Amino acid sequence: MIGRVKLISKCLETMVKHHRVTAPFETGAPPLRSTTMTDIRPELSQCTLCADRFAATATGHRPNPVVWFQPGARLLIASQAPGLKVHEANTPFWDASGKRLRDWLGVDETTFYDRSRVAIIPMAFCFPGYDAKGSDLPPPPICAKTWRARALDTVPDVRLTVLIGAYAMRYHLPGFTTVTRAVADWQNHPKGVFALPHPSWRNTGWLKKNPWFEEDVLPRLRAAVRNVLDD
């Protein structure tokens, strides 16, 4: 018996030495996770990955990541990218579209900008710039590829996600086809997910053509927001 115990101990020592002890996986138990969370916000705030890209735009601006999230938030605004006014103010939705969005959500400005309750994580954290015709450029894909998953990991307590615009919908909704279909299909999205058109003045025509959005979707969205923020 003593010899067998010594033999087993020697085998275990050898396995540890060669990093072969994988019992939590072999027994079906979930892998151990770190209890610490790396705060990416300081690093993200200094990101210059797109400096050359932005310098070549009609606006010729420098990177300025607008970082507006922290752990503990219950409501996630998954938006597109900052506009020029947001770039200059360093505050998300600091324009007319922000006023419309807050009306859609049924929240005031103080609540909307309370990072302990609301996280705003766009597909690109910097203003992408304008092209030669003065039109908005799309969010650079490298931004989401580099930062998005890590940013979302920072807000594990989110219970309601509001997707704004096609870029966010394409990222979060499997089988996404069009904005109109995604907005109308709110009952079939994963639990706790709403899709909204961008609240820009450019979509005023869309709102007139689709009155069901304000009649059917917004009341349910506002109720969901109240339920999450008041809990």
Protein backbone atom coordinates (compact mmCIF):
# COMPACT_ATOMS: atom_id res chain seq x y z
CA MET A 1 0.00 0.00 0.00
CA ILE A 2 2.77 2.48 0.94
CA GLY A 3 4.50 1.72 -2.35
CA ARG A 4 1.35 2.47 -4.33
CA VAL A 5 0.85 5.79 -2.51
CA LYS A 6 4.43 6.79 -3.28
CA LEU A 7 3.94 5.84 -6.93
CA ILE A 8 0.74 7.95 -7.22
CA SER A 9 2.43 10.93 -5.53
CA LYS A 10 5.36 10.68 -7.94
CA CYS A 11 2.99 10.65 -10.94
CA LEU A 12 1.14 13.73 -9.69
CA GLU A 13 4.42 15.57 -9.17
CA THR A 14 5.43 14.75 -12.73
CA MET A 15 2.09 15.99 -14.12
CA VAL A 16 2.35 19.29 -12.25
CA LYS A 17 5.94 19.75 -13.44
CA HIS A 18 4.85 19.36 -17.06
CA HIS A 19 1.57 21.38 -16.66
CA ARG A 20 -0.63 18.41 -17.45
CA VAL A 21 -3.05 18.70 -14.50
CA THR A 22 -6.35 19.54 -16.20
CA ALA A 23 -8.79 17.97 -13.78
CA PRO A 24 -11.40 20.78 -13.88
CA PHE A 25 -11.85 20.18 -17.64
CA GLU A 26 -11.58 16.39 -17.53
CA THR A 27 -14.23 16.07 -14.83
CA GLY A 28 -16.70 18.31 -16.62
CA ALA A 29 -16.30 21.20 -14.18
CA PRO A 30 -16.18 24.70 -15.78
CA PRO A 31 -12.73 26.25 -16.26
CA LEU A 32 -11.61 28.55 -13.51
CA ARG A 33 -12.02 32.27 -14.26
CA SER A 34 -10.06 35.17 -12.89
CA THR A 35 -11.91 37.15 -10.23
CA THR A 36 -10.15 40.33 -11.32
CA MET A 37 -11.24 42.52 -14.24
CA THR A 38 -8.76 44.51 -16.27
CA ASP A 39 -9.87 48.11 -16.72
CA ILE A 40 -9.29 48.86 -20.39
CA ARG A 41 -10.58 52.43 -20.26
CA PRO A 42 -7.25 54.21 -19.72
CA GLU A 43 -5.65 52.28 -22.58
CA LEU A 44 -8.68 52.77 -24.82
CA SER A 45 -8.72 56.51 -24.15
CA GLN A 46 -5.20 56.76 -25.55
CA CYS A 47 -5.81 54.63 -28.66
CA THR A 48 -4.30 55.99 -31.89
CA LEU A 49 -4.78 52.98 -34.18
CA CYS A 50 -6.65 55.06 -36.74
CA ALA A 51 -4.47 58.19 -36.66
CA ASP A 52 -3.32 57.85 -40.28
CA ARG A 53 -6.83 56.98 -41.46
CA PHE A 54 -8.34 60.06 -39.77
CA ALA A 55 -5.58 62.36 -41.02
CA ALA A 56 -6.47 61.37 -44.57
CA THR A 57 -10.17 62.28 -44.23
CA ALA A 58 -11.72 65.59 -45.25
CA THR A 59 -11.78 66.60 -41.59
CA GLY A 60 -8.12 65.69 -41.02
CA HIS A 61 -8.75 65.21 -37.31
CA ARG A 62 -6.87 63.34 -34.60
CA PRO A 63 -8.19 60.31 -32.69
CA ASN A 64 -10.31 61.13 -29.65
CA PRO A 65 -11.94 57.99 -28.22
CA VAL A 66 -15.18 58.85 -26.42
CA VAL A 67 -15.21 56.35 -23.56
CA TRP A 68 -18.45 56.27 -21.59
CA PHE A 69 -18.95 53.04 -19.65
CA GLN A 70 -18.05 51.42 -16.37
CA PRO A 71 -18.82 48.21 -14.47
CA GLY A 72 -22.26 48.04 -12.89
CA ALA A 73 -24.28 49.52 -15.76
CA ARG A 74 -27.61 47.80 -16.44
CA LEU A 75 -28.50 49.44 -19.76
CA LEU A 76 -26.22 49.19 -22.80
CA ILE A 77 -26.49 51.59 -25.71
CA ALA A 78 -24.73 49.84 -28.60
CA SER A 79 -24.38 52.66 -31.08
CA GLN A 80 -22.49 53.41 -34.28
CA ALA A 81 -19.76 56.04 -33.86
CA PRO A 82 -19.41 59.59 -32.55
CA GLY A 83 -20.28 62.50 -34.81
CA LEU A 84 -18.33 65.73 -35.06
CA LYS A 85 -20.17 67.46 -32.19
CA VAL A 86 -19.58 64.46 -29.94
CA HIS A 87 -15.92 64.43 -31.00
CA GLU A 88 -15.58 68.07 -29.96
CA ALA A 89 -17.56 67.74 -26.71
CA ASN A 90 -16.08 64.36 -25.77
CA THR A 91 -19.57 63.35 -24.66
CA PRO A 92 -21.71 60.73 -26.48
CA PHE A 93 -24.96 61.85 -28.12
CA TRP A 94 -24.24 65.48 -27.30
CA ASP A 95 -26.39 66.64 -30.21
CA ALA A 96 -29.95 66.65 -31.50
CA SER A 97 -29.90 62.88 -32.04
CA GLY A 98 -29.16 62.47 -28.34
CA LYS A 99 -32.26 64.43 -27.39
CA ARG A 100 -34.37 62.25 -29.65
CA LEU A 101 -32.78 59.07 -28.29
CA ARG A 102 -33.42 60.09 -24.68
CA ASP A 103 -37.05 60.74 -25.60
CA TRP A 104 -37.29 57.31 -27.18
CA LEU A 105 -35.85 55.71 -24.04
CA GLY A 106 -37.96 57.80 -21.68
CA VAL A 107 -34.99 59.01 -19.61
CA ASP A 108 -33.70 62.45 -18.72
CA GLU A 109 -30.20 63.75 -19.39
CA THR A 110 -28.94 63.05 -15.86
CA THR A 111 -29.97 59.40 -16.02
CA PHE A 112 -28.67 58.94 -19.55
CA TYR A 113 -25.19 60.16 -18.65
CA ASP A 114 -24.96 58.25 -15.36
CA ARG A 115 -22.26 55.72 -16.22
CA SER A 116 -23.10 53.59 -13.19
CA ARG A 117 -26.46 52.88 -14.84
CA VAL A 118 -25.99 53.38 -18.59
CA ALA A 119 -23.06 52.17 -20.71
CA ILE A 120 -22.57 53.64 -24.19
CA ILE A 121 -20.34 51.40 -26.29
CA PRO A 122 -20.29 52.28 -30.01
CA MET A 123 -18.92 50.21 -32.84
CA ALA A 124 -16.13 52.79 -33.11
CA PHE A 125 -15.09 55.03 -30.25
CA CYS A 126 -13.74 57.86 -32.42
CA PHE A 127 -15.36 60.16 -34.95
CA PRO A 128 -14.59 58.47 -38.32
CA GLY A 129 -14.58 61.78 -40.20
CA TYR A 130 -16.18 63.04 -43.41
CA ASP A 131 -15.42 62.08 -46.98
CA ALA A 132 -14.79 64.60 -49.76
CA LYS A 133 -18.55 65.09 -50.24
CA GLY A 134 -19.13 65.85 -46.55
CA SER A 135 -20.78 62.53 -45.77
CA ASP A 136 -20.09 60.52 -42.62
CA LEU A 137 -17.51 57.78 -43.05
CA PRO A 138 -18.35 54.34 -41.61
CA PRO A 139 -16.89 53.09 -38.32
CA PRO A 140 -13.43 51.60 -38.97
CA PRO A 141 -13.78 47.80 -38.46
CA ILE A 142 -10.44 47.64 -36.65
CA CYS A 143 -11.92 49.50 -33.70
CA ALA A 144 -14.56 46.85 -32.96
CA LYS A 145 -12.07 44.10 -33.71
CA THR A 146 -9.61 45.53 -31.20
CA TRP A 147 -11.83 46.84 -28.42
CA ARG A 148 -15.46 45.73 -28.58
CA ALA A 149 -15.32 42.33 -26.88
CA ARG A 150 -13.11 43.68 -24.11
CA ALA A 151 -15.37 46.67 -23.57
CA LEU A 152 -18.48 44.48 -23.37
CA ASP A 153 -16.73 42.25 -20.85
CA THR A 154 -16.40 45.33 -18.64
CA VAL A 155 -20.18 45.56 -18.20
CA PRO A 156 -21.32 42.05 -17.21
CA ASP A 157 -24.39 43.33 -15.35
CA VAL A 158 -26.16 44.65 -18.46
CA ARG A 159 -29.77 43.48 -18.61
CA LEU A 160 -31.07 45.51 -21.54
CA THR A 161 -29.23 46.21 -24.79
CA VAL A 162 -30.40 48.84 -27.25
CA LEU A 163 -28.90 48.48 -30.72
CA ILE A 164 -28.73 51.67 -32.76
CA GLY A 165 -28.17 51.50 -36.49
CA ALA A 166 -27.12 48.83 -38.95
CA TYR A 167 -23.51 48.41 -37.82
CA ALA A 168 -24.48 47.51 -34.26
CA MET A 169 -27.33 45.29 -35.46
CA ARG A 170 -25.07 43.42 -37.84
CA TYR A 171 -22.65 42.73 -35.00
CA HIS A 172 -25.20 41.65 -32.39
CA LEU A 173 -28.10 40.11 -34.32
CA PRO A 174 -27.63 36.78 -36.10
CA GLY A 175 -29.22 36.82 -39.53
CA PHE A 176 -29.51 40.61 -39.71
CA THR A 177 -30.88 41.85 -43.04
CA THR A 178 -32.28 45.38 -42.82
CA VAL A 179 -32.78 48.01 -40.13
CA THR A 180 -36.54 48.15 -40.71
CA ARG A 181 -36.94 44.41 -40.35
CA ALA A 182 -34.74 44.30 -37.25
CA VAL A 183 -36.71 47.11 -35.57
CA ALA A 184 -40.06 45.54 -36.43
CA ASP A 185 -38.96 42.09 -35.25
CA TRP A 186 -38.38 43.23 -31.65
CA GLN A 187 -40.46 40.38 -30.19
CA ASN A 188 -38.17 37.74 -31.73
CA HIS A 189 -34.82 39.15 -30.66
CA PRO A 190 -32.85 37.57 -27.82
CA LYS A 191 -34.27 38.50 -24.43
CA GLY A 192 -33.36 41.99 -23.37
CA VAL A 193 -32.54 43.33 -26.86
CA PHE A 194 -34.21 46.14 -28.80
CA ALA A 195 -33.15 47.45 -32.20
CA LEU A 196 -33.65 51.12 -33.10
CA PRO A 197 -33.03 53.21 -36.19
CA HIS A 198 -30.43 55.92 -35.70
CA PRO A 199 -32.12 58.92 -34.00
CA SER A 200 -30.54 61.31 -36.52
CA TRP A 201 -32.71 63.94 -38.24
CA ARG A 202 -31.89 62.08 -41.46
CA ASN A 203 -34.28 59.34 -40.36
CA THR A 204 -37.29 61.64 -39.91
CA GLY A 205 -38.65 60.35 -43.22
CA TRP A 206 -38.28 56.76 -42.01
CA LEU A 207 -40.26 57.59 -38.88
CA LYS A 208 -43.10 59.06 -40.95
CA LYS A 209 -43.21 55.97 -43.17
CA ASN A 210 -43.23 53.60 -40.19
CA PRO A 211 -45.69 54.98 -37.59
CA TRP A 212 -45.82 51.57 -35.90
CA PHE A 213 -42.38 52.31 -34.44
CA GLU A 214 -43.67 55.07 -32.16
CA GLU A 215 -47.03 53.37 -31.59
CA ASP A 216 -45.88 49.82 -30.83
CA VAL A 217 -42.14 49.67 -30.19
CA LEU A 218 -41.41 52.78 -28.13
CA PRO A 219 -43.97 52.11 -25.35
CA ARG A 220 -42.49 48.65 -24.81
CA LEU A 221 -38.94 49.97 -24.98
CA ARG A 222 -39.67 52.62 -22.36
CA ALA A 223 -41.27 50.05 -20.09
CA ALA A 224 -38.20 47.80 -20.41
CA VAL A 225 -35.89 50.72 -19.64
CA ARG A 226 -37.89 51.65 -16.53
CA ASN A 227 -37.86 48.07 -15.36
CA VAL A 228 -34.07 47.81 -15.66
CA LEU A 229 -33.11 51.19 -14.25
CA ASP A 230 -35.63 51.23 -11.41
CA ASP A 231 -34.83 47.72 -10.20
